[in-house]
All heavy atoms as atom14 arrays in JSON, in Angstrom:
{
  "sequence": "GQQDPFAKHVYVQTSDDDGLTWSAPVVVAGDVDNGFLIDKPTITAD",
  "atom14_mask": [
    [1, 1, 1, 1, 0, 0, 0, 0, 0, 0, 0, 0, 0, 0],
    [1, 1, 1, 1, 1, 1, 1, 1, 1, 0, 0, 0, 0, 0],
    [1, 1, 1, 1, 1, 1, 1, 1, 1, 0, 0, 0, 0, 0],
    [1, 1, 1, 1, 1, 1, 1, 1, 0, 0, 0, 0, 0, 0],
    [1, 1, 1, 1, 1, 1, 1, 0, 0, 0, 0, 0, 0, 0],
    [1, 1, 1, 1, 1, 1, 1, 1, 1, 1, 1, 0, 0, 0],
    [1, 1, 1, 1, 1, 0, 0, 0, 0, 0, 0, 0, 0, 0],
    [1, 1, 1, 1, 1, 1, 1, 1, 1, 0, 0, 0, 0, 0],
    [1, 1, 1, 1, 1, 1, 1, 1, 1, 1, 0, 0, 0, 0],
    [1, 1, 1, 1, 1, 1, 1, 0, 0, 0, 0, 0, 0, 0],
    [1, 1, 1, 1, 1, 1, 1, 1, 1, 1, 1, 1, 0, 0],
    [1, 1, 1, 1, 1, 1, 1, 0, 0, 0, 0, 0, 0, 0],
    [1, 1, 1, 1, 1, 1, 1, 1, 1, 0, 0, 0, 0, 0],
    [1, 1, 1, 1, 1, 1, 1, 0, 0, 0, 0, 0, 0, 0],
    [1, 1, 1, 1, 1, 1, 0, 0, 0, 0, 0, 0, 0, 0],
    [1, 1, 1, 1, 1, 1, 1, 1, 0, 0, 0, 0, 0, 0],
    [1, 1, 1, 1, 1, 1, 1, 1, 0, 0, 0, 0, 0, 0],
    [1, 1, 1, 1, 1, 1, 1, 1, 0, 0, 0, 0, 0, 0],
    [1, 1, 1, 1, 0, 0, 0, 0, 0, 0, 0, 0, 0, 0],
    [1, 1, 1, 1, 1, 1, 1, 1, 0, 0, 0, 0, 0, 0],
    [1, 1, 1, 1, 1, 1, 1, 0, 0, 0, 0, 0, 0, 0],
    [1, 1, 1, 1, 1, 1, 1, 1, 1, 1, 1, 1, 1, 1],
    [1, 1, 1, 1, 1, 1, 0, 0, 0, 0, 0, 0, 0, 0],
    [1, 1, 1, 1, 1, 0, 0, 0, 0, 0, 0, 0, 0, 0],
    [1, 1, 1, 1, 1, 1, 1, 0, 0, 0, 0, 0, 0, 0],
    [1, 1, 1, 1, 1, 1, 1, 0, 0, 0, 0, 0, 0, 0],
    [1, 1, 1, 1, 1, 1, 1, 0, 0, 0, 0, 0, 0, 0],
    [1, 1, 1, 1, 1, 1, 1, 0, 0, 0, 0, 0, 0, 0],
    [1, 1, 1, 1, 1, 0, 0, 0, 0, 0, 0, 0, 0, 0],
    [1, 1, 1, 1, 0, 0, 0, 0, 0, 0, 0, 0, 0, 0],
    [1, 1, 1, 1, 1, 1, 1, 1, 0, 0, 0, 0, 0, 0],
    [1, 1, 1, 1, 1, 1, 1, 0, 0, 0, 0, 0, 0, 0],
    [1, 1, 1, 1, 1, 1, 1, 1, 0, 0, 0, 0, 0, 0],
    [1, 1, 1, 1, 1, 1, 1, 1, 0, 0, 0, 0, 0, 0],
    [1, 1, 1, 1, 0, 0, 0, 0, 0, 0, 0, 0, 0, 0],
    [1, 1, 1, 1, 1, 1, 1, 1, 1, 1, 1, 0, 0, 0],
    [1, 1, 1, 1, 1, 1, 1, 1, 0, 0, 0, 0, 0, 0],
    [1, 1, 1, 1, 1, 1, 1, 1, 0, 0, 0, 0, 0, 0],
    [1, 1, 1, 1, 1, 1, 1, 1, 0, 0, 0, 0, 0, 0],
    [1, 1, 1, 1, 1, 1, 1, 1, 1, 0, 0, 0, 0, 0],
    [1, 1, 1, 1, 1, 1, 1, 0, 0, 0, 0, 0, 0, 0],
    [1, 1, 1, 1, 1, 1, 1, 0, 0, 0, 0, 0, 0, 0],
    [1, 1, 1, 1, 1, 1, 1, 1, 0, 0, 0, 0, 0, 0],
    [1, 1, 1, 1, 1, 1, 1, 0, 0, 0, 0, 0, 0, 0],
    [1, 1, 1, 1, 1, 0, 0, 0, 0, 0, 0, 0, 0, 0],
    [1, 1, 1, 1, 1, 1, 1, 1, 0, 0, 0, 0, 0, 0]
  ],
  "atom14_positions": [
    [[-41.62, 22.21, -31.3], [-41.23, 22.79, -30.03], [-39.88, 22.33, -29.53], [-39.46, 22.75, -28.45], [0.0, 0.0, 0.0], [0.0, 0.0, 0.0], [0.0, 0.0, 0.0], [0.0, 0.0, 0.0], [0.0, 0.0, 0.0], [0.0, 0.0, 0.0], [0.0, 0.0, 0.0], [0.0, 0.0, 0.0], [0.0, 0.0, 0.0], [0.0, 0.0, 0.0]],
    [[-39.23, 21.45, -30.27], [-37.93, 20.94, -29.85], [-36.89, 21.33, -30.89], [-36.84, 20.77, -31.96], [-37.98, 19.41, -29.71], [-38.98, 18.92, -28.67], [-38.57, 19.31, -27.26], [-37.39, 19.35, -26.95], [-39.53, 19.58, -26.41], [0.0, 0.0, 0.0], [0.0, 0.0, 0.0], [0.0, 0.0, 0.0], [0.0, 0.0, 0.0], [0.0, 0.0, 0.0]],
    [[-36.1, 22.32, -30.58], [-35.14, 22.83, -31.54], [-33.74, 22.69, -30.97], [-33.42, 23.27, -29.93], [-35.45, 24.29, -31.86], [-36.84, 24.47, -32.44], [-37.32, 25.89, -32.32], [-36.56, 26.79, -31.99], [-38.59, 26.11, -32.61], [0.0, 0.0, 0.0], [0.0, 0.0, 0.0], [0.0, 0.0, 0.0], [0.0, 0.0, 0.0], [0.0, 0.0, 0.0]],
    [[-32.92, 21.91, -31.63], [-31.55, 21.69, -31.17], [-30.61, 22.52, -32.03], [-30.43, 22.22, -33.21], [-31.22, 20.2, -31.3], [-29.79, 19.9, -30.85], [-29.1, 20.83, -30.42], [-29.39, 18.74, -30.96], [0.0, 0.0, 0.0], [0.0, 0.0, 0.0], [0.0, 0.0, 0.0], [0.0, 0.0, 0.0], [0.0, 0.0, 0.0], [0.0, 0.0, 0.0]],
    [[-30.02, 23.57, -31.5], [-29.21, 24.45, -32.34], [-27.93, 23.81, -32.84], [-27.29, 24.34, -33.74], [-28.9, 25.64, -31.42], [-28.95, 25.05, -30.05], [-30.03, 24.01, -30.1], [0.0, 0.0, 0.0], [0.0, 0.0, 0.0], [0.0, 0.0, 0.0], [0.0, 0.0, 0.0], [0.0, 0.0, 0.0], [0.0, 0.0, 0.0], [0.0, 0.0, 0.0]],
    [[-27.54, 22.65, -32.28], [-26.31, 22.02, -32.71], [-26.57, 20.85, -33.65], [-25.75, 19.96, -33.8], [-25.52, 21.55, -31.49], [-25.17, 22.67, -30.57], [-25.59, 22.7, -29.25], [-24.43, 23.75, -31.04], [-25.26, 23.74, -28.42], [-24.1, 24.8, -30.21], [-24.52, 24.8, -28.9], [0.0, 0.0, 0.0], [0.0, 0.0, 0.0], [0.0, 0.0, 0.0]],
    [[-27.72, 20.83, -34.3], [-28.03, 19.78, -35.27], [-28.64, 20.43, -36.49], [-29.86, 20.48, -36.63], [-28.98, 18.74, -34.66], [0.0, 0.0, 0.0], [0.0, 0.0, 0.0], [0.0, 0.0, 0.0], [0.0, 0.0, 0.0], [0.0, 0.0, 0.0], [0.0, 0.0, 0.0], [0.0, 0.0, 0.0], [0.0, 0.0, 0.0], [0.0, 0.0, 0.0]],
    [[-27.81, 20.97, -37.36], [-28.33, 21.7, -38.51], [-27.55, 21.39, -39.78], [-26.36, 21.09, -39.75], [-28.29, 23.21, -38.24], [-29.25, 23.67, -37.15], [-29.34, 25.18, -37.1], [-30.38, 25.62, -36.08], [-30.56, 27.07, -36.07], [0.0, 0.0, 0.0], [0.0, 0.0, 0.0], [0.0, 0.0, 0.0], [0.0, 0.0, 0.0], [0.0, 0.0, 0.0]],
    [[-28.27, 21.46, -40.89], [-27.67, 21.37, -42.21], [-28.12, 22.56, -43.04], [-29.15, 23.17, -42.76], [-28.09, 20.08, -42.92], [-27.34, 18.86, -42.48], [-27.61, 18.2, -41.31], [-26.32, 18.2, -43.07], [-26.79, 17.15, -41.2], [-26.0, 17.14, -42.25], [0.0, 0.0, 0.0], [0.0, 0.0, 0.0], [0.0, 0.0, 0.0], [0.0, 0.0, 0.0]],
    [[-27.37, 22.87, -44.08], [-27.77, 23.84, -45.09], [-28.24, 23.07, -46.31], [-27.52, 22.2, -46.82], [-26.6, 24.77, -45.46], [-27.02, 25.76, -46.54], [-26.08, 25.5, -44.23], [0.0, 0.0, 0.0], [0.0, 0.0, 0.0], [0.0, 0.0, 0.0], [0.0, 0.0, 0.0], [0.0, 0.0, 0.0], [0.0, 0.0, 0.0], [0.0, 0.0, 0.0]],
    [[-29.46, 23.36, -46.75], [-30.05, 22.69, -47.91], [-30.34, 23.71, -49.0], [-30.68, 24.87, -48.72], [-31.37, 22.01, -47.54], [-31.25, 20.85, -46.59], [-31.4, 21.03, -45.22], [-31.03, 19.55, -47.05], [-31.32, 19.96, -44.34], [-30.94, 18.49, -46.18], [-31.09, 18.7, -44.82], [-31.0, 17.64, -43.95], [0.0, 0.0, 0.0], [0.0, 0.0, 0.0]],
    [[-30.26, 23.27, -50.26], [-30.66, 24.1, -51.4], [-31.53, 23.27, -52.33], [-31.23, 22.11, -52.61], [-29.43, 24.65, -52.16], [-29.86, 25.26, -53.5], [-28.71, 25.7, -51.33], [0.0, 0.0, 0.0], [0.0, 0.0, 0.0], [0.0, 0.0, 0.0], [0.0, 0.0, 0.0], [0.0, 0.0, 0.0], [0.0, 0.0, 0.0], [0.0, 0.0, 0.0]],
    [[-32.61, 23.88, -52.79], [-33.47, 23.3, -53.82], [-33.55, 24.28, -54.98], [-33.43, 25.49, -54.79], [-34.86, 23.01, -53.24], [-34.84, 21.95, -52.15], [-36.17, 21.82, -51.43], [-36.35, 22.42, -50.37], [-37.08, 21.05, -51.98], [0.0, 0.0, 0.0], [0.0, 0.0, 0.0], [0.0, 0.0, 0.0], [0.0, 0.0, 0.0], [0.0, 0.0, 0.0]],
    [[-33.76, 23.76, -56.19], [-33.76, 24.61, -57.37], [-35.04, 24.43, -58.16], [-35.71, 23.4, -58.07], [-32.55, 24.31, -58.28], [-32.6, 22.93, -58.69], [-31.25, 24.59, -57.56], [0.0, 0.0, 0.0], [0.0, 0.0, 0.0], [0.0, 0.0, 0.0], [0.0, 0.0, 0.0], [0.0, 0.0, 0.0], [0.0, 0.0, 0.0], [0.0, 0.0, 0.0]],
    [[-35.36, 25.44, -58.95], [-36.56, 25.42, -59.81], [-36.22, 26.06, -61.14], [-35.59, 27.12, -61.19], [-37.7, 26.19, -59.13], [-38.81, 26.31, -60.01], [0.0, 0.0, 0.0], [0.0, 0.0, 0.0], [0.0, 0.0, 0.0], [0.0, 0.0, 0.0], [0.0, 0.0, 0.0], [0.0, 0.0, 0.0], [0.0, 0.0, 0.0], [0.0, 0.0, 0.0]],
    [[-36.67, 25.41, -62.22], [-36.48, 25.94, -63.57], [-37.77, 26.44, -64.18], [-37.82, 26.76, -65.37], [-35.85, 24.88, -64.48], [-34.4, 24.58, -64.11], [-33.67, 25.55, -63.8], [-34.02, 23.4, -64.12], [0.0, 0.0, 0.0], [0.0, 0.0, 0.0], [0.0, 0.0, 0.0], [0.0, 0.0, 0.0], [0.0, 0.0, 0.0], [0.0, 0.0, 0.0]],
    [[-38.85, 26.51, -63.38], [-40.12, 27.0, -63.89], [-40.71, 28.07, -62.97], [-41.9, 28.1, -62.69], [-41.12, 25.86, -64.09], [-41.3, 24.99, -62.85], [-40.84, 25.4, -61.76], [-41.89, 23.9, -62.97], [0.0, 0.0, 0.0], [0.0, 0.0, 0.0], [0.0, 0.0, 0.0], [0.0, 0.0, 0.0], [0.0, 0.0, 0.0], [0.0, 0.0, 0.0]],
    [[-39.83, 28.95, -62.49], [-40.22, 30.09, -61.67], [-40.99, 29.67, -60.42], [-41.97, 30.3, -60.04], [-41.04, 31.08, -62.49], [-40.22, 31.75, -63.58], [-39.26, 32.48, -63.22], [-40.51, 31.54, -64.76], [0.0, 0.0, 0.0], [0.0, 0.0, 0.0], [0.0, 0.0, 0.0], [0.0, 0.0, 0.0], [0.0, 0.0, 0.0], [0.0, 0.0, 0.0]],
    [[-40.5, 28.6, -59.77], [-41.02, 28.22, -58.47], [-42.24, 27.33, -58.49], [-42.77, 27.0, -57.43], [0.0, 0.0, 0.0], [0.0, 0.0, 0.0], [0.0, 0.0, 0.0], [0.0, 0.0, 0.0], [0.0, 0.0, 0.0], [0.0, 0.0, 0.0], [0.0, 0.0, 0.0], [0.0, 0.0, 0.0], [0.0, 0.0, 0.0], [0.0, 0.0, 0.0]],
    [[-42.68, 26.89, -59.67], [-43.85, 26.01, -59.72], [-43.51, 24.62, -59.22], [-44.28, 24.02, -58.46], [-44.4, 25.94, -61.15], [-45.7, 25.17, -61.33], [-46.82, 25.79, -60.52], [-46.07, 25.11, -62.81], [0.0, 0.0, 0.0], [0.0, 0.0, 0.0], [0.0, 0.0, 0.0], [0.0, 0.0, 0.0], [0.0, 0.0, 0.0], [0.0, 0.0, 0.0]],
    [[-42.35, 24.1, -59.6], [-41.86, 22.81, -59.1], [-40.43, 22.98, -58.64], [-39.7, 23.86, -59.13], [-41.94, 21.72, -60.18], [-41.12, 22.08, -61.3], [-43.38, 21.52, -60.65], [0.0, 0.0, 0.0], [0.0, 0.0, 0.0], [0.0, 0.0, 0.0], [0.0, 0.0, 0.0], [0.0, 0.0, 0.0], [0.0, 0.0, 0.0], [0.0, 0.0, 0.0]],
    [[-40.01, 22.08, -57.69], [-38.69, 22.21, -57.09], [-37.99, 20.86, -57.04], [-38.63, 19.81, -56.92], [-38.8, 22.78, -55.68], [-39.27, 24.19, -55.66], [-40.55, 24.64, -55.69], [-38.44, 25.36, -55.68], [-40.58, 26.01, -55.7], [-39.3, 26.47, -55.68], [-37.06, 25.57, -55.65], [-38.82, 27.79, -55.7], [-36.58, 26.88, -55.64], [-37.46, 27.96, -55.67]],
    [[-36.67, 20.9, -57.12], [-35.87, 19.69, -57.02], [-35.88, 19.16, -55.59], [-36.3, 19.84, -54.66], [-34.42, 19.98, -57.43], [-33.79, 20.8, -56.45], [0.0, 0.0, 0.0], [0.0, 0.0, 0.0], [0.0, 0.0, 0.0], [0.0, 0.0, 0.0], [0.0, 0.0, 0.0], [0.0, 0.0, 0.0], [0.0, 0.0, 0.0], [0.0, 0.0, 0.0]],
    [[-35.39, 17.94, -55.42], [-35.17, 17.41, -54.08], [-34.08, 18.23, -53.39], [-33.2, 18.79, -54.06], [-34.76, 15.95, -54.15], [0.0, 0.0, 0.0], [0.0, 0.0, 0.0], [0.0, 0.0, 0.0], [0.0, 0.0, 0.0], [0.0, 0.0, 0.0], [0.0, 0.0, 0.0], [0.0, 0.0, 0.0], [0.0, 0.0, 0.0], [0.0, 0.0, 0.0]],
    [[-34.12, 18.33, -52.07], [-33.1, 19.12, -51.38], [-31.71, 18.5, -51.5], [-31.53, 17.29, -51.4], [-33.57, 19.13, -49.92], [-34.5, 17.97, -49.81], [-35.14, 17.8, -51.14], [0.0, 0.0, 0.0], [0.0, 0.0, 0.0], [0.0, 0.0, 0.0], [0.0, 0.0, 0.0], [0.0, 0.0, 0.0], [0.0, 0.0, 0.0], [0.0, 0.0, 0.0]],
    [[-30.73, 19.35, -51.73], [-29.32, 18.95, -51.79], [-28.62, 19.5, -50.55], [-28.79, 20.67, -50.21], [-28.66, 19.5, -53.07], [-27.15, 19.24, -53.05], [-29.29, 18.9, -54.31], [0.0, 0.0, 0.0], [0.0, 0.0, 0.0], [0.0, 0.0, 0.0], [0.0, 0.0, 0.0], [0.0, 0.0, 0.0], [0.0, 0.0, 0.0], [0.0, 0.0, 0.0]],
    [[-27.85, 18.65, -49.88], [-27.1, 19.09, -48.7], [-25.88, 19.88, -49.17], [-25.01, 19.36, -49.87], [-26.66, 17.9, -47.84], [-25.77, 18.38, -46.69], [-27.87, 17.17, -47.29], [0.0, 0.0, 0.0], [0.0, 0.0, 0.0], [0.0, 0.0, 0.0], [0.0, 0.0, 0.0], [0.0, 0.0, 0.0], [0.0, 0.0, 0.0], [0.0, 0.0, 0.0]],
    [[-25.84, 21.15, -48.78], [-24.69, 22.0, -49.11], [-23.59, 21.81, -48.07], [-22.42, 21.72, -48.4], [-25.13, 23.48, -49.18], [-23.93, 24.39, -49.39], [-26.15, 23.66, -50.29], [0.0, 0.0, 0.0], [0.0, 0.0, 0.0], [0.0, 0.0, 0.0], [0.0, 0.0, 0.0], [0.0, 0.0, 0.0], [0.0, 0.0, 0.0], [0.0, 0.0, 0.0]],
    [[-23.98, 21.78, -46.8], [-23.03, 21.61, -45.71], [-23.79, 21.19, -44.47], [-25.0, 21.38, -44.37], [-22.25, 22.89, -45.45], [0.0, 0.0, 0.0], [0.0, 0.0, 0.0], [0.0, 0.0, 0.0], [0.0, 0.0, 0.0], [0.0, 0.0, 0.0], [0.0, 0.0, 0.0], [0.0, 0.0, 0.0], [0.0, 0.0, 0.0], [0.0, 0.0, 0.0]],
    [[-23.08, 20.62, -43.52], [-23.71, 20.22, -42.28], [-22.74, 20.21, -41.12], [-21.55, 19.92, -41.29], [0.0, 0.0, 0.0], [0.0, 0.0, 0.0], [0.0, 0.0, 0.0], [0.0, 0.0, 0.0], [0.0, 0.0, 0.0], [0.0, 0.0, 0.0], [0.0, 0.0, 0.0], [0.0, 0.0, 0.0], [0.0, 0.0, 0.0], [0.0, 0.0, 0.0]],
    [[-23.24, 20.55, -39.95], [-22.47, 20.47, -38.72], [-23.37, 19.82, -37.68], [-24.13, 20.49, -37.01], [-22.03, 21.85, -38.24], [-21.0, 22.48, -39.15], [-19.86, 22.04, -39.13], [-21.37, 23.4, -39.88], [0.0, 0.0, 0.0], [0.0, 0.0, 0.0], [0.0, 0.0, 0.0], [0.0, 0.0, 0.0], [0.0, 0.0, 0.0], [0.0, 0.0, 0.0]],
    [[-23.34, 18.52, -37.59], [-24.24, 17.8, -36.71], [-23.48, 17.35, -35.46], [-22.5, 16.62, -35.53], [-24.85, 16.59, -37.42], [-25.77, 15.83, -36.47], [-25.63, 17.04, -38.65], [0.0, 0.0, 0.0], [0.0, 0.0, 0.0], [0.0, 0.0, 0.0], [0.0, 0.0, 0.0], [0.0, 0.0, 0.0], [0.0, 0.0, 0.0], [0.0, 0.0, 0.0]],
    [[-23.94, 17.84, -34.3], [-23.45, 17.38, -33.01], [-21.96, 17.65, -32.8], [-21.3, 16.93, -32.06], [-23.73, 15.89, -32.83], [-25.2, 15.56, -32.96], [-26.04, 16.45, -32.73], [-25.5, 14.42, -33.31], [0.0, 0.0, 0.0], [0.0, 0.0, 0.0], [0.0, 0.0, 0.0], [0.0, 0.0, 0.0], [0.0, 0.0, 0.0], [0.0, 0.0, 0.0]],
    [[-21.43, 18.67, -33.44], [-20.02, 18.98, -33.21], [-19.84, 20.35, -32.57], [-18.77, 20.94, -32.64], [-19.23, 18.9, -34.52], [-19.65, 19.97, -35.52], [-20.6, 20.71, -35.29], [-18.94, 20.05, -36.62], [0.0, 0.0, 0.0], [0.0, 0.0, 0.0], [0.0, 0.0, 0.0], [0.0, 0.0, 0.0], [0.0, 0.0, 0.0], [0.0, 0.0, 0.0]],
    [[-20.91, 20.86, -31.94], [-20.78, 22.08, -31.18], [-20.95, 23.36, -31.95], [-20.66, 24.43, -31.43], [0.0, 0.0, 0.0], [0.0, 0.0, 0.0], [0.0, 0.0, 0.0], [0.0, 0.0, 0.0], [0.0, 0.0, 0.0], [0.0, 0.0, 0.0], [0.0, 0.0, 0.0], [0.0, 0.0, 0.0], [0.0, 0.0, 0.0], [0.0, 0.0, 0.0]],
    [[-21.38, 23.29, -33.21], [-21.56, 24.5, -34.0], [-23.03, 24.78, -34.23], [-23.84, 23.87, -34.43], [-20.86, 24.39, -35.35], [-19.4, 24.71, -35.29], [-18.47, 23.71, -35.06], [-18.95, 26.01, -35.46], [-17.13, 24.0, -35.0], [-17.6, 26.31, -35.39], [-16.68, 25.3, -35.17], [0.0, 0.0, 0.0], [0.0, 0.0, 0.0], [0.0, 0.0, 0.0]],
    [[-23.37, 26.06, -34.21], [-24.7, 26.54, -34.56], [-24.62, 27.17, -35.93], [-23.84, 28.1, -36.16], [-25.16, 27.58, -33.53], [-26.3, 28.52, -33.92], [-27.59, 27.74, -34.1], [-26.46, 29.61, -32.88], [0.0, 0.0, 0.0], [0.0, 0.0, 0.0], [0.0, 0.0, 0.0], [0.0, 0.0, 0.0], [0.0, 0.0, 0.0], [0.0, 0.0, 0.0]],
    [[-25.38, 26.67, -36.89], [-25.48, 27.28, -38.21], [-26.64, 28.26, -38.19], [-27.75, 27.91, -37.79], [-25.69, 26.23, -39.31], [-24.45, 25.33, -39.42], [-25.96, 26.9, -40.65], [-24.57, 24.25, -40.47], [0.0, 0.0, 0.0], [0.0, 0.0, 0.0], [0.0, 0.0, 0.0], [0.0, 0.0, 0.0], [0.0, 0.0, 0.0], [0.0, 0.0, 0.0]],
    [[-26.4, 29.5, -38.62], [-27.43, 30.52, -38.52], [-27.31, 31.51, -39.67], [-26.26, 31.66, -40.29], [-27.29, 31.26, -37.18], [-28.55, 32.01, -36.79], [-29.59, 31.83, -37.44], [-28.5, 32.79, -35.81], [0.0, 0.0, 0.0], [0.0, 0.0, 0.0], [0.0, 0.0, 0.0], [0.0, 0.0, 0.0], [0.0, 0.0, 0.0], [0.0, 0.0, 0.0]],
    [[-28.4, 32.18, -39.94], [-28.56, 33.28, -40.9], [-27.77, 33.09, -42.19], [-26.79, 33.78, -42.48], [-28.17, 34.6, -40.25], [-28.61, 35.81, -41.07], [-30.11, 35.78, -41.32], [-30.53, 36.65, -42.48], [-30.23, 36.06, -43.78], [0.0, 0.0, 0.0], [0.0, 0.0, 0.0], [0.0, 0.0, 0.0], [0.0, 0.0, 0.0], [0.0, 0.0, 0.0]],
    [[-28.23, 32.12, -43.02], [-27.57, 31.93, -44.31], [-28.2, 32.83, -45.39], [-29.33, 33.31, -45.25], [-27.87, 30.47, -44.61], [-29.25, 30.28, -44.04], [-29.3, 31.15, -42.8], [0.0, 0.0, 0.0], [0.0, 0.0, 0.0], [0.0, 0.0, 0.0], [0.0, 0.0, 0.0], [0.0, 0.0, 0.0], [0.0, 0.0, 0.0], [0.0, 0.0, 0.0]],
    [[-27.46, 33.07, -46.44], [-28.0, 33.7, -47.65], [-27.41, 32.99, -48.85], [-26.39, 32.3, -48.75], [-27.65, 35.2, -47.72], [-26.23, 35.36, -47.78], [-28.2, 35.96, -46.53], [0.0, 0.0, 0.0], [0.0, 0.0, 0.0], [0.0, 0.0, 0.0], [0.0, 0.0, 0.0], [0.0, 0.0, 0.0], [0.0, 0.0, 0.0], [0.0, 0.0, 0.0]],
    [[-28.05, 33.17, -50.0], [-27.55, 32.58, -51.24], [-27.68, 33.63, -52.34], [-28.67, 34.36, -52.4], [-28.31, 31.29, -51.6], [-27.71, 30.64, -52.85], [-29.81, 31.53, -51.75], [-28.24, 29.24, -53.12], [0.0, 0.0, 0.0], [0.0, 0.0, 0.0], [0.0, 0.0, 0.0], [0.0, 0.0, 0.0], [0.0, 0.0, 0.0], [0.0, 0.0, 0.0]],
    [[-26.66, 33.71, -53.18], [-26.62, 34.67, -54.28], [-26.23, 33.94, -55.55], [-25.12, 33.4, -55.63], [-25.6, 35.8, -54.01], [-25.91, 36.44, -52.77], [-25.63, 36.82, -55.13], [0.0, 0.0, 0.0], [0.0, 0.0, 0.0], [0.0, 0.0, 0.0], [0.0, 0.0, 0.0], [0.0, 0.0, 0.0], [0.0, 0.0, 0.0], [0.0, 0.0, 0.0]],
    [[-27.12, 33.92, -56.52], [-26.77, 33.36, -57.82], [-26.01, 34.41, -58.63], [-26.28, 35.61, -58.54], [-28.02, 32.94, -58.57], [0.0, 0.0, 0.0], [0.0, 0.0, 0.0], [0.0, 0.0, 0.0], [0.0, 0.0, 0.0], [0.0, 0.0, 0.0], [0.0, 0.0, 0.0], [0.0, 0.0, 0.0], [0.0, 0.0, 0.0], [0.0, 0.0, 0.0]],
    [[-25.05, 33.95, -59.41], [-24.25, 34.85, -60.25], [-25.16, 35.41, -61.35], [-25.73, 34.66, -62.14], [-23.09, 34.07, -60.87], [-22.06, 34.97, -61.52], [-22.45, 35.93, -62.19], [-20.85, 34.68, -61.38], [0.0, 0.0, 0.0], [0.0, 0.0, 0.0], [0.0, 0.0, 0.0], [0.0, 0.0, 0.0], [0.0, 0.0, 0.0], [0.0, 0.0, 0.0]]
  ]
}
């Protein structure tokens, strides 16, 4: 119930077995407490 829009990171996890197991989250980018709201991300593999 406590959501701070100015404290967000973008994380990515990967799987090599069609989603059965996943890697630990990797921080792609972050904007913590600097006045930015991170919203509506997408990811596209080549």
